[in-house]
Amino acid sequence: MQVVLVGGIATPSVYAIDYAKRISKNGFLVLTYDLYGRGYSNVARTANDERLFVSQIVDLLFALKLEGKRVHFVGASMGA
């Protein structure tokens, strides 16, 4: 089972490190990432809106060959 931990507008992915360690100890594959323009991610040269953030995670799941698999999302702030 896969778990994606998503930060928010002012929350970079580093917030999730302790959570990711705990969750992975229970056999889950854990993915954390920074939304465009947050944390260590580059700023996108387009509107920072819902469409951008949805396409970001969809592209990431496809790149990791996780499309079609059950993925649980856990969010903080805007990611909630």
N, C-alpha and C. Protein backbone atom coordinates (compact mmCIF):
# COMPACT_ATOMS: atom_id res chain seq x y z
N MET A 1 0.84 -1.17 0.00
CA MET A 1 0.00 0.00 0.00
C MET A 1 0.89 1.24 0.00
N GLN A 2 0.46 2.25 -0.73
CA GLN A 2 1.23 3.48 -0.86
C GLN A 2 0.56 4.62 -0.09
N VAL A 3 1.38 5.44 0.53
CA VAL A 3 0.90 6.62 1.24
C VAL A 3 1.67 7.83 0.72
N VAL A 4 0.93 8.87 0.35
CA VAL A 4 1.54 10.12 -0.10
C VAL A 4 1.29 11.18 0.95
N LEU A 5 2.37 11.79 1.44
CA LEU A 5 2.27 12.86 2.42
C LEU A 5 2.49 14.19 1.69
N VAL A 6 1.48 15.05 1.71
CA VAL A 6 1.52 16.31 0.97
C VAL A 6 1.54 17.48 1.93
N GLY A 7 2.47 18.37 1.74
CA GLY A 7 2.53 19.59 2.55
C GLY A 7 1.54 20.61 2.05
N GLY A 8 1.66 21.81 2.51
CA GLY A 8 0.73 22.86 2.11
C GLY A 8 1.45 24.06 1.55
N ILE A 9 0.77 25.19 1.57
CA ILE A 9 1.30 26.42 1.01
C ILE A 9 2.62 26.81 1.67
N ALA A 10 2.68 26.71 2.99
CA ALA A 10 3.90 27.13 3.70
C ALA A 10 4.60 25.95 4.36
N THR A 11 4.22 24.74 3.98
CA THR A 11 4.77 23.55 4.65
C THR A 11 5.56 22.70 3.66
N PRO A 12 6.88 22.70 3.73
CA PRO A 12 7.68 21.84 2.84
C PRO A 12 7.61 20.38 3.30
N SER A 13 8.07 19.50 2.46
CA SER A 13 7.97 18.07 2.74
C SER A 13 8.77 17.61 3.95
N VAL A 14 9.72 18.39 4.40
CA VAL A 14 10.52 17.97 5.55
C VAL A 14 9.67 17.79 6.80
N TYR A 15 8.46 18.41 6.84
CA TYR A 15 7.58 18.24 7.99
C TYR A 15 7.22 16.77 8.18
N ALA A 16 7.26 16.01 7.10
CA ALA A 16 6.72 14.66 7.10
C ALA A 16 7.75 13.57 7.36
N ILE A 17 8.99 13.90 7.57
CA ILE A 17 10.03 12.88 7.71
C ILE A 17 9.73 11.91 8.85
N ASP A 18 9.40 12.41 10.02
CA ASP A 18 9.11 11.52 11.15
C ASP A 18 7.87 10.67 10.89
N TYR A 19 6.84 11.28 10.30
CA TYR A 19 5.64 10.53 9.95
C TYR A 19 5.96 9.43 8.94
N ALA A 20 6.75 9.77 7.93
CA ALA A 20 7.11 8.80 6.90
C ALA A 20 7.85 7.60 7.49
N LYS A 21 8.75 7.86 8.42
CA LYS A 21 9.49 6.76 9.05
C LYS A 21 8.56 5.85 9.82
N ARG A 22 7.63 6.44 10.57
CA ARG A 22 6.69 5.63 11.35
C ARG A 22 5.78 4.81 10.45
N ILE A 23 5.27 5.44 9.42
CA ILE A 23 4.34 4.75 8.51
C ILE A 23 5.06 3.63 7.76
N SER A 24 6.27 3.89 7.30
CA SER A 24 7.00 2.87 6.53
C SER A 24 7.37 1.66 7.39
N LYS A 25 7.55 1.86 8.69
CA LYS A 25 7.83 0.73 9.58
C LYS A 25 6.67 -0.26 9.64
N ASN A 26 5.50 0.20 9.22
CA ASN A 26 4.31 -0.67 9.20
C ASN A 26 4.07 -1.26 7.82
N GLY A 27 5.09 -1.21 6.95
CA GLY A 27 5.01 -1.89 5.66
C GLY A 27 4.48 -1.07 4.51
N PHE A 28 4.29 0.22 4.70
CA PHE A 28 3.78 1.07 3.63
C PHE A 28 4.93 1.71 2.86
N LEU A 29 4.72 1.90 1.57
CA LEU A 29 5.63 2.70 0.75
C LEU A 29 5.19 4.14 0.93
N VAL A 30 6.09 5.01 1.36
CA VAL A 30 5.74 6.40 1.66
C VAL A 30 6.44 7.34 0.69
N LEU A 31 5.67 8.25 0.14
CA LEU A 31 6.18 9.26 -0.78
C LEU A 31 5.90 10.63 -0.19
N THR A 32 6.93 11.44 -0.08
CA THR A 32 6.75 12.84 0.28
C THR A 32 7.34 13.67 -0.85
N TYR A 33 6.77 14.82 -1.09
CA TYR A 33 7.29 15.69 -2.14
C TYR A 33 6.88 17.12 -1.85
N ASP A 34 7.56 18.05 -2.46
CA ASP A 34 7.22 19.46 -2.32
C ASP A 34 6.36 19.90 -3.49
N LEU A 35 5.29 20.61 -3.18
CA LEU A 35 4.50 21.24 -4.23
C LEU A 35 5.39 22.25 -4.95
N TYR A 36 5.09 22.50 -6.22
CA TYR A 36 5.87 23.48 -6.97
C TYR A 36 5.96 24.80 -6.19
N GLY A 37 7.16 25.32 -6.10
CA GLY A 37 7.38 26.59 -5.43
C GLY A 37 7.46 26.52 -3.92
N ARG A 38 7.41 25.31 -3.36
CA ARG A 38 7.48 25.12 -1.91
C ARG A 38 8.70 24.28 -1.59
N GLY A 39 9.25 24.45 -0.40
CA GLY A 39 10.39 23.63 0.01
C GLY A 39 11.55 23.72 -0.96
N TYR A 40 11.98 22.56 -1.48
CA TYR A 40 13.12 22.50 -2.39
C TYR A 40 12.69 22.45 -3.86
N SER A 41 11.41 22.64 -4.13
CA SER A 41 10.91 22.57 -5.50
C SER A 41 11.05 23.91 -6.21
N ASN A 42 11.27 23.85 -7.51
CA ASN A 42 11.32 25.07 -8.31
C ASN A 42 9.93 25.69 -8.44
N VAL A 43 9.90 26.97 -8.71
CA VAL A 43 8.64 27.67 -8.94
C VAL A 43 8.18 27.38 -10.36
N ALA A 44 6.91 27.01 -10.50
CA ALA A 44 6.36 26.76 -11.84
C ALA A 44 6.09 28.08 -12.53
N ARG A 45 6.27 28.09 -13.83
CA ARG A 45 6.04 29.32 -14.61
C ARG A 45 4.62 29.34 -15.14
N THR A 46 3.70 29.09 -14.25
CA THR A 46 2.27 29.09 -14.58
C THR A 46 1.52 29.41 -13.29
N ALA A 47 0.22 29.48 -13.38
CA ALA A 47 -0.59 29.78 -12.19
C ALA A 47 -0.45 28.64 -11.18
N ASN A 48 -0.23 29.00 -9.94
CA ASN A 48 -0.17 28.01 -8.86
C ASN A 48 -1.58 27.75 -8.38
N ASP A 49 -2.25 26.85 -9.06
CA ASP A 49 -3.64 26.57 -8.73
C ASP A 49 -3.86 25.06 -8.61
N GLU A 50 -5.09 24.68 -8.34
CA GLU A 50 -5.44 23.28 -8.14
C GLU A 50 -5.04 22.42 -9.34
N ARG A 51 -5.25 22.92 -10.52
CA ARG A 51 -4.92 22.16 -11.74
C ARG A 51 -3.42 21.83 -11.78
N LEU A 52 -2.59 22.79 -11.43
CA LEU A 52 -1.14 22.56 -11.42
C LEU A 52 -0.76 21.48 -10.41
N PHE A 53 -1.30 21.59 -9.19
CA PHE A 53 -0.92 20.64 -8.14
C PHE A 53 -1.45 19.23 -8.42
N VAL A 54 -2.64 19.13 -9.02
CA VAL A 54 -3.16 17.81 -9.40
C VAL A 54 -2.29 17.20 -10.49
N SER A 55 -1.94 17.99 -11.49
CA SER A 55 -1.09 17.44 -12.57
C SER A 55 0.28 17.05 -12.03
N GLN A 56 0.78 17.78 -11.02
CA GLN A 56 2.07 17.43 -10.44
C GLN A 56 2.04 16.05 -9.81
N ILE A 57 1.03 15.75 -9.00
CA ILE A 57 1.00 14.43 -8.35
C ILE A 57 0.67 13.33 -9.35
N VAL A 58 -0.21 13.60 -10.33
CA VAL A 58 -0.52 12.60 -11.34
C VAL A 58 0.74 12.25 -12.13
N ASP A 59 1.49 13.26 -12.56
CA ASP A 59 2.73 13.02 -13.30
C ASP A 59 3.73 12.23 -12.45
N LEU A 60 3.81 12.57 -11.17
CA LEU A 60 4.73 11.87 -10.27
C LEU A 60 4.33 10.41 -10.09
N LEU A 61 3.04 10.14 -9.90
CA LEU A 61 2.58 8.76 -9.74
C LEU A 61 2.84 7.94 -11.01
N PHE A 62 2.64 8.54 -12.17
CA PHE A 62 2.94 7.84 -13.43
C PHE A 62 4.43 7.57 -13.55
N ALA A 63 5.26 8.55 -13.22
CA ALA A 63 6.71 8.37 -13.32
C ALA A 63 7.19 7.25 -12.40
N LEU A 64 6.53 7.08 -11.27
CA LEU A 64 6.91 6.03 -10.32
C LEU A 64 6.16 4.72 -10.56
N LYS A 65 5.40 4.68 -11.66
CA LYS A 65 4.63 3.49 -12.04
C LYS A 65 3.64 3.08 -10.96
N LEU A 66 3.01 4.07 -10.35
CA LEU A 66 2.01 3.82 -9.32
C LEU A 66 0.59 4.07 -9.82
N GLU A 67 0.44 4.39 -11.12
CA GLU A 67 -0.90 4.63 -11.65
C GLU A 67 -1.72 3.35 -11.54
N GLY A 68 -2.98 3.51 -11.21
CA GLY A 68 -3.87 2.36 -11.08
C GLY A 68 -3.76 1.63 -9.76
N LYS A 69 -2.84 2.04 -8.91
CA LYS A 69 -2.69 1.39 -7.60
C LYS A 69 -3.38 2.24 -6.55
N ARG A 70 -3.81 1.59 -5.49
CA ARG A 70 -4.45 2.33 -4.39
C ARG A 70 -3.40 3.16 -3.67
N VAL A 71 -3.68 4.45 -3.56
CA VAL A 71 -2.77 5.39 -2.91
C VAL A 71 -3.57 6.18 -1.88
N HIS A 72 -3.06 6.26 -0.67
CA HIS A 72 -3.69 7.06 0.37
C HIS A 72 -2.97 8.39 0.46
N PHE A 73 -3.74 9.47 0.53
CA PHE A 73 -3.17 10.81 0.64
C PHE A 73 -3.38 11.34 2.05
N VAL A 74 -2.33 11.91 2.61
CA VAL A 74 -2.39 12.55 3.91
C VAL A 74 -1.86 13.95 3.71
N GLY A 75 -2.65 14.95 4.05
CA GLY A 75 -2.24 16.31 3.80
C GLY A 75 -2.16 17.16 5.04
N ALA A 76 -1.42 18.22 4.91
CA ALA A 76 -1.33 19.24 5.95
C ALA A 76 -1.62 20.57 5.31
N SER A 77 -2.30 21.44 6.01
CA SER A 77 -2.62 22.76 5.49
C SER A 77 -3.46 22.61 4.23
N MET A 78 -3.02 23.18 3.11
CA MET A 78 -3.79 23.09 1.88
C MET A 78 -3.90 21.66 1.38
N GLY A 79 -2.93 20.82 1.73
CA GLY A 79 -2.95 19.44 1.28
C GLY A 79 -3.97 18.58 2.02
N ALA A 80 -4.59 19.14 3.07
CA ALA A 80 -5.55 18.35 3.87
C ALA A 80 -6.82 18.07 3.13
